[in-house]
Amino acid sequence: RLTAGLDLGRAISGAIKSVGFLQLPLTAPDAPL
């Protein structure tokens, strides 16, 4: 359920970004959406 990630590149503003993140599902595994 828990996914970790790293996002390196350009932000919305165009500036350089380095962001780490954690992500969790909000719906059941068999949910269509």
Full PDB file with SEQRES, HELIX, SHEET, SSBOND, CRYST1, ORIGX, SCALE, CONECT and MASTER records, all heavy atoms in Angstrom:
SEQRES   1 A   33  ARG LEU THR ALA GLY LEU ASP LEU GLY ARG ALA ILE SER          
SEQRES   2 A   33  GLY ALA ILE LYS SER VAL GLY PHE LEU GLN LEU PRO LEU          
SEQRES   3 A   33  THR ALA PRO ASP ALA PRO LEU                                  
SHEET    1 AA1 2 THR A   3  ARG A  10  0                                        
SHEET    2 AA1 2 ILE A  16  GLN A  23 -1                                        
CRYST1    1.000    1.000    1.000  90.00  90.00  90.00 P 1           1          
ORIGX1      1.000000  0.000000  0.000000        0.00000                         
ORIGX2      0.000000  1.000000  0.000000        0.00000                         
ORIGX3      0.000000  0.000000  1.000000        0.00000                         
SCALE1      1.000000  0.000000  0.000000        0.00000                         
SCALE2      0.000000  1.000000  0.000000        0.00000                         
SCALE3      0.000000  0.000000  1.000000        0.00000                         
ATOM      1  N   ARG A   1       0.805  -1.221   0.000  1.00  0.00           N  
ATOM      2  CA  ARG A   1       0.000   0.000   0.000  1.00  0.00           C  
ATOM      3  C   ARG A   1       0.841   1.276   0.000  1.00  0.00           C  
ATOM      4  O   ARG A   1       0.431   2.285  -0.561  1.00  0.00           O  
ATOM      5  CB  ARG A   1      -0.939   0.021   1.217  1.00  0.00           C  
ATOM      6  CG  ARG A   1      -2.074  -0.972   1.123  1.00  0.00           C  
ATOM      7  CD  ARG A   1      -2.940  -0.941   2.387  1.00  0.00           C  
ATOM      8  NE  ARG A   1      -3.350   0.402   2.777  1.00  0.00           N  
ATOM      9  CZ  ARG A   1      -4.384   1.049   2.252  1.00  0.00           C  
ATOM     10  NH1 ARG A   1      -5.116   0.481   1.300  1.00  0.00           N  
ATOM     11  NH2 ARG A   1      -4.712   2.262   2.676  1.00  0.00           N  
ATOM     12  N   LEU A   2       1.991   1.220   0.617  1.00  0.00           N  
ATOM     13  CA  LEU A   2       2.803   2.425   0.764  1.00  0.00           C  
ATOM     14  C   LEU A   2       3.907   2.471  -0.293  1.00  0.00           C  
ATOM     15  O   LEU A   2       4.759   1.588  -0.348  1.00  0.00           O  
ATOM     16  CB  LEU A   2       3.416   2.470   2.161  1.00  0.00           C  
ATOM     17  CG  LEU A   2       4.256   3.711   2.484  1.00  0.00           C  
ATOM     18  CD1 LEU A   2       3.403   4.976   2.414  1.00  0.00           C  
ATOM     19  CD2 LEU A   2       4.897   3.558   3.862  1.00  0.00           C  
ATOM     20  N   THR A   3       3.869   3.516  -1.111  1.00  0.00           N  
ATOM     21  CA  THR A   3       4.864   3.720  -2.161  1.00  0.00           C  
ATOM     22  C   THR A   3       5.706   4.940  -1.828  1.00  0.00           C  
ATOM     23  O   THR A   3       5.179   5.994  -1.461  1.00  0.00           O  
ATOM     24  CB  THR A   3       4.188   3.926  -3.528  1.00  0.00           C  
ATOM     25  OG1 THR A   3       3.470   2.747  -3.882  1.00  0.00           O  
ATOM     26  CG2 THR A   3       5.221   4.221  -4.609  1.00  0.00           C  
ATOM     27  N   ALA A   4       7.023   4.784  -1.936  1.00  0.00           N  
ATOM     28  CA  ALA A   4       7.944   5.904  -1.744  1.00  0.00           C  
ATOM     29  C   ALA A   4       8.521   6.302  -3.091  1.00  0.00           C  
ATOM     30  O   ALA A   4       8.673   5.469  -3.994  1.00  0.00           O  
ATOM     31  CB  ALA A   4       9.066   5.513  -0.784  1.00  0.00           C  
ATOM     32  N   GLY A   5       8.843   7.590  -3.242  1.00  0.00           N  
ATOM     33  CA  GLY A   5       9.356   8.035  -4.523  1.00  0.00           C  
ATOM     34  C   GLY A   5      10.268   9.237  -4.422  1.00  0.00           C  
ATOM     35  O   GLY A   5      10.374   9.897  -3.373  1.00  0.00           O  
ATOM     36  N   LEU A   6      10.930   9.514  -5.535  1.00  0.00           N  
ATOM     37  CA  LEU A   6      11.834  10.652  -5.666  1.00  0.00           C  
ATOM     38  C   LEU A   6      11.581  11.306  -7.013  1.00  0.00           C  
ATOM     39  O   LEU A   6      11.525  10.630  -8.046  1.00  0.00           O  
ATOM     40  CB  LEU A   6      13.288  10.188  -5.575  1.00  0.00           C  
ATOM     41  CG  LEU A   6      14.379  11.265  -5.623  1.00  0.00           C  
ATOM     42  CD1 LEU A   6      14.254  12.188  -4.414  1.00  0.00           C  
ATOM     43  CD2 LEU A   6      15.756  10.614  -5.685  1.00  0.00           C  
ATOM     44  N   ASP A   7      11.416  12.631  -7.008  1.00  0.00           N  
ATOM     45  CA  ASP A   7      11.082  13.396  -8.201  1.00  0.00           C  
ATOM     46  C   ASP A   7      12.097  14.522  -8.363  1.00  0.00           C  
ATOM     47  O   ASP A   7      12.106  15.479  -7.577  1.00  0.00           O  
ATOM     48  CB  ASP A   7       9.655  13.951  -8.062  1.00  0.00           C  
ATOM     49  CG  ASP A   7       9.142  14.602  -9.333  1.00  0.00           C  
ATOM     50  OD1 ASP A   7       9.830  14.551 -10.361  1.00  0.00           O  
ATOM     51  OD2 ASP A   7       8.026  15.175  -9.287  1.00  0.00           O  
ATOM     52  N   LEU A   8      12.965  14.403  -9.369  1.00  0.00           N  
ATOM     53  CA  LEU A   8      14.010  15.390  -9.624  1.00  0.00           C  
ATOM     54  C   LEU A   8      13.796  16.005 -11.003  1.00  0.00           C  
ATOM     55  O   LEU A   8      13.500  15.301 -11.963  1.00  0.00           O  
ATOM     56  CB  LEU A   8      15.398  14.743  -9.585  1.00  0.00           C  
ATOM     57  CG  LEU A   8      15.752  13.921  -8.339  1.00  0.00           C  
ATOM     58  CD1 LEU A   8      17.135  13.281  -8.509  1.00  0.00           C  
ATOM     59  CD2 LEU A   8      15.717  14.781  -7.091  1.00  0.00           C  
ATOM     60  N   GLY A   9      13.947  17.319 -11.097  1.00  0.00           N  
ATOM     61  CA  GLY A   9      13.785  17.959 -12.405  1.00  0.00           C  
ATOM     62  C   GLY A   9      13.422  19.411 -12.253  1.00  0.00           C  
ATOM     63  O   GLY A   9      14.092  20.179 -11.569  1.00  0.00           O  
ATOM     64  N   ARG A  10      12.306  19.805 -12.914  1.00  0.00           N  
ATOM     65  CA  ARG A  10      11.836  21.180 -12.874  1.00  0.00           C  
ATOM     66  C   ARG A  10      10.473  21.260 -12.220  1.00  0.00           C  
ATOM     67  O   ARG A  10       9.597  20.430 -12.477  1.00  0.00           O  
ATOM     68  CB  ARG A  10      11.755  21.759 -14.293  1.00  0.00           C  
ATOM     69  CG  ARG A  10      13.109  22.001 -14.932  1.00  0.00           C  
ATOM     70  CD  ARG A  10      13.837  23.178 -14.297  1.00  0.00           C  
ATOM     71  NE  ARG A  10      15.161  23.361 -14.850  1.00  0.00           N  
ATOM     72  CZ  ARG A  10      15.423  24.153 -15.889  1.00  0.00           C  
ATOM     73  NH1 ARG A  10      14.427  24.800 -16.479  1.00  0.00           N  
ATOM     74  NH2 ARG A  10      16.642  24.284 -16.342  1.00  0.00           N  
ATOM     75  N   ALA A  11      10.270  22.264 -11.381  1.00  0.00           N  
ATOM     76  CA  ALA A  11       8.999  22.486 -10.704  1.00  0.00           C  
ATOM     77  C   ALA A  11       8.040  23.236 -11.618  1.00  0.00           C  
ATOM     78  O   ALA A  11       8.361  23.561 -12.763  1.00  0.00           O  
ATOM     79  CB  ALA A  11       9.232  23.272  -9.414  1.00  0.00           C  
ATOM     80  N   ILE A  12       6.851  23.546 -11.119  1.00  0.00           N  
ATOM     81  CA  ILE A  12       5.851  24.285 -11.872  1.00  0.00           C  
ATOM     82  C   ILE A  12       6.407  25.627 -12.326  1.00  0.00           C  
ATOM     83  O   ILE A  12       6.157  26.086 -13.440  1.00  0.00           O  
ATOM     84  CB  ILE A  12       4.590  24.486 -11.011  1.00  0.00           C  
ATOM     85  CG1 ILE A  12       3.993  23.122 -10.636  1.00  0.00           C  
ATOM     86  CG2 ILE A  12       3.552  25.345 -11.745  1.00  0.00           C  
ATOM     87  CD1 ILE A  12       2.984  23.184  -9.514  1.00  0.00           C  
ATOM     88  N   SER A  13       7.189  26.259 -11.482  1.00  0.00           N  
ATOM     89  CA  SER A  13       7.764  27.564 -11.785  1.00  0.00           C  
ATOM     90  C   SER A  13       8.902  27.492 -12.788  1.00  0.00           C  
ATOM     91  O   SER A  13       9.347  28.521 -13.301  1.00  0.00           O  
ATOM     92  CB  SER A  13       8.282  28.199 -10.495  1.00  0.00           C  
ATOM     93  OG  SER A  13       9.328  27.407  -9.943  1.00  0.00           O  
ATOM     94  N   GLY A  14       9.404  26.289 -13.065  1.00  0.00           N  
ATOM     95  CA  GLY A  14      10.569  26.135 -13.920  1.00  0.00           C  
ATOM     96  C   GLY A  14      11.862  26.027 -13.140  1.00  0.00           C  
ATOM     97  O   GLY A  14      12.918  25.759 -13.716  1.00  0.00           O  
ATOM     98  N   ALA A  15      11.798  26.225 -11.816  1.00  0.00           N  
ATOM     99  CA  ALA A  15      12.994  26.128 -10.989  1.00  0.00           C  
ATOM    100  C   ALA A  15      13.357  24.662 -10.737  1.00  0.00           C  
ATOM    101  O   ALA A  15      12.525  23.764 -10.858  1.00  0.00           O  
ATOM    102  CB  ALA A  15      12.762  26.842  -9.654  1.00  0.00           C  
ATOM    103  N   ILE A  16      14.612  24.434 -10.359  1.00  0.00           N  
ATOM    104  CA  ILE A  16      15.079  23.080 -10.084  1.00  0.00           C  
ATOM    105  C   ILE A  16      14.415  22.544  -8.819  1.00  0.00           C  
ATOM    106  O   ILE A  16      14.289  23.249  -7.811  1.00  0.00           O  
ATOM    107  CB  ILE A  16      16.608  23.070  -9.920  1.00  0.00           C  
ATOM    108  CG1 ILE A  16      17.278  23.464 -11.247  1.00  0.00           C  
ATOM    109  CG2 ILE A  16      17.100  21.697  -9.467  1.00  0.00           C  
ATOM    110  CD1 ILE A  16      18.777  23.594 -11.147  1.00  0.00           C  
ATOM    111  N   LYS A  17      13.971  21.281  -8.875  1.00  0.00           N  
ATOM    112  CA  LYS A  17      13.304  20.667  -7.722  1.00  0.00           C  
ATOM    113  C   LYS A  17      13.950  19.344  -7.352  1.00  0.00           C  
ATOM    114  O   LYS A  17      14.482  18.626  -8.205  1.00  0.00           O  
ATOM    115  CB  LYS A  17      11.821  20.422  -8.014  1.00  0.00           C  
ATOM    116  CG  LYS A  17      11.572  19.334  -9.048  1.00  0.00           C  
ATOM    117  CD  LYS A  17      10.089  19.046  -9.225  1.00  0.00           C  
ATOM    118  CE  LYS A  17       9.890  18.002 -10.333  1.00  0.00           C  
ATOM    119  NZ  LYS A  17       8.460  17.721 -10.582  1.00  0.00           N  
ATOM    120  N   SER A  18      13.875  19.012  -6.073  1.00  0.00           N  
ATOM    121  CA  SER A  18      14.256  17.710  -5.534  1.00  0.00           C  
ATOM    122  C   SER A  18      13.231  17.379  -4.458  1.00  0.00           C  
ATOM    123  O   SER A  18      13.264  17.974  -3.376  1.00  0.00           O  
ATOM    124  CB  SER A  18      15.661  17.736  -4.941  1.00  0.00           C  
ATOM    125  OG  SER A  18      16.623  18.105  -5.903  1.00  0.00           O  
ATOM    126  N   VAL A  19      12.326  16.456  -4.753  1.00  0.00           N  
ATOM    127  CA  VAL A  19      11.222  16.162  -3.838  1.00  0.00           C  
ATOM    128  C   VAL A  19      11.128  14.660  -3.600  1.00  0.00           C  
ATOM    129  O   VAL A  19      11.077  13.873  -4.546  1.00  0.00           O  
ATOM    130  CB  VAL A  19       9.876  16.674  -4.408  1.00  0.00           C  
ATOM    131  CG1 VAL A  19       8.732  16.301  -3.472  1.00  0.00           C  
ATOM    132  CG2 VAL A  19       9.920  18.182  -4.613  1.00  0.00           C  
ATOM    133  N   GLY A  20      11.100  14.252  -2.339  1.00  0.00           N  
ATOM    134  CA  GLY A  20      10.790  12.886  -1.966  1.00  0.00           C  
ATOM    135  C   GLY A  20       9.356  12.810  -1.491  1.00  0.00           C  
ATOM    136  O   GLY A  20       8.833  13.785  -0.929  1.00  0.00           O  
ATOM    137  N   PHE A  21       8.707  11.681  -1.703  1.00  0.00           N  
ATOM    138  CA  PHE A  21       7.294  11.608  -1.347  1.00  0.00           C  
ATOM    139  C   PHE A  21       6.891  10.205  -0.916  1.00  0.00           C  
ATOM    140  O   PHE A  21       7.569   9.215  -1.212  1.00  0.00           O  
ATOM    141  CB  PHE A  21       6.408  12.059  -2.515  1.00  0.00           C  
ATOM    142  CG  PHE A  21       6.510  11.198  -3.752  1.00  0.00           C  
ATOM    143  CD1 PHE A  21       5.718  10.067  -3.912  1.00  0.00           C  
ATOM    144  CD2 PHE A  21       7.401  11.525  -4.758  1.00  0.00           C  
ATOM    145  CE1 PHE A  21       5.811   9.278  -5.043  1.00  0.00           C  
ATOM    146  CE2 PHE A  21       7.512  10.732  -5.893  1.00  0.00           C  
ATOM    147  CZ  PHE A  21       6.710   9.609  -6.044  1.00  0.00           C  
ATOM    148  N   LEU A  22       5.749  10.129  -0.204  1.00  0.00           N  
ATOM    149  CA  LEU A  22       5.077   8.891   0.152  1.00  0.00           C  
ATOM    150  C   LEU A  22       3.654   8.954  -0.382  1.00  0.00           C  
ATOM    151  O   LEU A  22       3.027  10.012  -0.374  1.00  0.00           O  
ATOM    152  CB  LEU A  22       5.057   8.696   1.663  1.00  0.00           C  
ATOM    153  CG  LEU A  22       6.404   8.477   2.353  1.00  0.00           C  
ATOM    154  CD1 LEU A  22       6.221   8.454   3.865  1.00  0.00           C  
ATOM    155  CD2 LEU A  22       7.064   7.189   1.872  1.00  0.00           C  
ATOM    156  N   GLN A  23       3.157   7.812  -0.842  1.00  0.00           N  
ATOM    157  CA  GLN A  23       1.822   7.770  -1.437  1.00  0.00           C  
ATOM    158  C   GLN A  23       1.050   6.559  -0.924  1.00  0.00           C  
ATOM    159  O   GLN A  23       1.607   5.467  -0.799  1.00  0.00           O  
ATOM    160  CB  GLN A  23       1.924   7.719  -2.963  1.00  0.00           C  
ATOM    161  CG  GLN A  23       0.583   7.719  -3.669  1.00  0.00           C  
ATOM    162  CD  GLN A  23       0.732   8.003  -5.151  1.00  0.00           C  
ATOM    163  OE1 GLN A  23       1.172   9.081  -5.553  1.00  0.00           O  
ATOM    164  NE2 GLN A  23       0.388   7.035  -5.986  1.00  0.00           N  
ATOM    165  N   LEU A  24      -0.235   6.778  -0.609  1.00  0.00           N  
ATOM    166  CA  LEU A  24      -1.122   5.726  -0.125  1.00  0.00           C  
ATOM    167  C   LEU A  24      -2.404   5.705  -0.949  1.00  0.00           C  
ATOM    168  O   LEU A  24      -2.932   6.766  -1.302  1.00  0.00           O  
ATOM    169  CB  LEU A  24      -1.492   5.958   1.344  1.00  0.00           C  
ATOM    170  CG  LEU A  24      -0.530   5.487   2.426  1.00  0.00           C  
ATOM    171  CD1 LEU A  24      -0.972   6.029   3.775  1.00  0.00           C  
ATOM    172  CD2 LEU A  24      -0.434   3.960   2.459  1.00  0.00           C  
ATOM    173  N   PRO A  25      -2.939   4.508  -1.259  1.00  0.00           N  
ATOM    174  CA  PRO A  25      -4.232   4.440  -1.948  1.00  0.00           C  
ATOM    175  C   PRO A  25      -5.364   4.901  -1.039  1.00  0.00           C  
ATOM    176  O   PRO A  25      -5.331   4.680   0.171  1.00  0.00           O  
ATOM    177  CB  PRO A  25      -4.358   2.960  -2.316  1.00  0.00           C  
ATOM    178  CG  PRO A  25      -3.484   2.241  -1.335  1.00  0.00           C  
ATOM    179  CD  PRO A  25      -2.354   3.174  -1.032  1.00  0.00           C  
ATOM    180  N   LEU A  26      -6.363   5.535  -1.637  1.00  0.00           N  
ATOM    181  CA  LEU A  26      -7.533   6.002  -0.899  1.00  0.00           C  
ATOM    182  C   LEU A  26      -8.770   5.171  -1.207  1.00  0.00           C  
ATOM    183  O   LEU A  26      -9.829   5.409  -0.621  1.00  0.00           O  
ATOM    184  CB  LEU A  26      -7.813   7.471  -1.245  1.00  0.00           C  
ATOM    185  CG  LEU A  26      -6.667   8.448  -0.969  1.00  0.00           C  
ATOM    186  CD1 LEU A  26      -7.047   9.849  -1.434  1.00  0.00           C  
ATOM    187  CD2 LEU A  26      -6.292   8.448   0.512  1.00  0.00           C  
ATOM    188  N   THR A  27      -8.645   4.210  -2.109  1.00  0.00           N  
ATOM    189  CA  THR A  27      -9.766   3.355  -2.497  1.00  0.00           C  
ATOM    190  C   THR A  27      -9.381   1.893  -2.335  1.00  0.00           C  
ATOM    191  O   THR A  27      -8.197   1.552  -2.202  1.00  0.00           O  
ATOM    192  CB  THR A  27     -10.176   3.619  -3.955  1.00  0.00           C  
ATOM    193  OG1 THR A  27      -9.015   3.526  -4.800  1.00  0.00           O  
ATOM    194  CG2 THR A  27     -10.785   4.997  -4.121  1.00  0.00           C  
ATOM    195  N   ALA A  28     -10.375   1.022  -2.367  1.00  0.00           N  
ATOM    196  CA  ALA A  28     -10.132  -0.412  -2.252  1.00  0.00           C  
ATOM    197  C   ALA A  28      -9.373  -0.920  -3.476  1.00  0.00           C  
ATOM    198  O   ALA A  28      -9.494  -0.354  -4.570  1.00  0.00           O  
ATOM    199  CB  ALA A  28     -11.460  -1.161  -2.116  1.00  0.00           C  
ATOM    200  N   PRO A  29      -8.587  -1.996  -3.320  1.00  0.00           N  
ATOM    201  CA  PRO A  29      -7.807  -2.515  -4.449  1.00  0.00           C  
ATOM    202  C   PRO A  29      -8.651  -2.893  -5.662  1.00  0.00           C  
ATOM    203  O   PRO A  29      -8.172  -2.806  -6.801  1.00  0.00           O  
ATOM    204  CB  PRO A  29      -7.113  -3.751  -3.858  1.00  0.00           C  
ATOM    205  CG  PRO A  29      -7.047  -3.482  -2.390  1.00  0.00           C  
ATOM    206  CD  PRO A  29      -8.292  -2.715  -2.065  1.00  0.00           C  
ATOM    207  N   ASP A  30      -9.921  -3.315  -5.436  1.00  0.00           N  
ATOM    208  CA  ASP A  30     -10.753  -3.740  -6.557  1.00  0.00           C  
ATOM    209  C   ASP A  30     -11.683  -2.628  -7.053  1.00  0.00           C  
ATOM    210  O   ASP A  30     -12.559  -2.867  -7.877  1.00  0.00           O  
ATOM    211  CB  ASP A  30     -11.588  -4.966  -6.165  1.00  0.00           C  
ATOM    212  CG  ASP A  30     -12.470  -4.712  -4.943  1.00  0.00           C  
ATOM    213  OD1 ASP A  30     -12.298  -3.656  -4.301  1.00  0.00           O  
ATOM    214  OD2 ASP A  30     -13.323  -5.579  -4.633  1.00  0.00           O  
ATOM    215  N   ALA A  31     -11.500  -1.406  -6.580  1.00  0.00           N  
ATOM    216  CA  ALA A  31     -12.347  -0.295  -7.032  1.00  0.00           C  
ATOM    217  C   ALA A  31     -12.049   0.027  -8.494  1.00  0.00           C  
ATOM    218  O   ALA A  31     -10.876   0.126  -8.880  1.00  0.00           O  
ATOM    219  CB  ALA A  31     -12.102   0.938  -6.169  1.00  0.00           C  
ATOM    220  N   PRO A  32     -13.069   0.211  -9.340  1.00  0.00           N  
ATOM    221  CA  PRO A  32     -12.827   0.555 -10.759  1.00  0.00           C  
ATOM    222  C   PRO A  32     -12.080   1.873 -10.913  1.00  0.00           C  
ATOM    223  O   PRO A  32     -11.194   1.995 -11.754  1.00  0.00           O  
ATOM    224  CB  PRO A  32     -14.235   0.640 -11.340  1.00  0.00           C  
ATOM    225  CG  PRO A  32     -15.098  -0.155 -10.411  1.00  0.00           C  
ATOM    226  CD  PRO A  32     -14.493   0.023  -9.050  1.00  0.00           C  
ATOM    227  N   LEU A  33     -12.446   2.862 -10.089  1.00  0.00           N  
ATOM    228  CA  LEU A  33     -11.763   4.153 -10.109  1.00  0.00           C  
ATOM    229  C   LEU A  33     -10.792   4.208  -8.936  1.00  0.00           C  
ATOM    230  O   LEU A  33     -11.198   4.172  -7.777  1.00  0.00           O  
ATOM    231  CB  LEU A  33     -12.773   5.294 -10.014  1.00  0.00           C  
ATOM    232  CG  LEU A  33     -12.181   6.717  -9.984  1.00  0.00           C  
ATOM    233  CD1 LEU A  33     -11.446   7.019 -11.278  1.00  0.00           C  
ATOM    234  CD2 LEU A  33     -13.262   7.747  -9.722  1.00  0.00           C  
TER     235      LEU A  33                                                      
MASTER        0    0    0    0    2    0    0    6  234    1    0    3          
END                                                                             
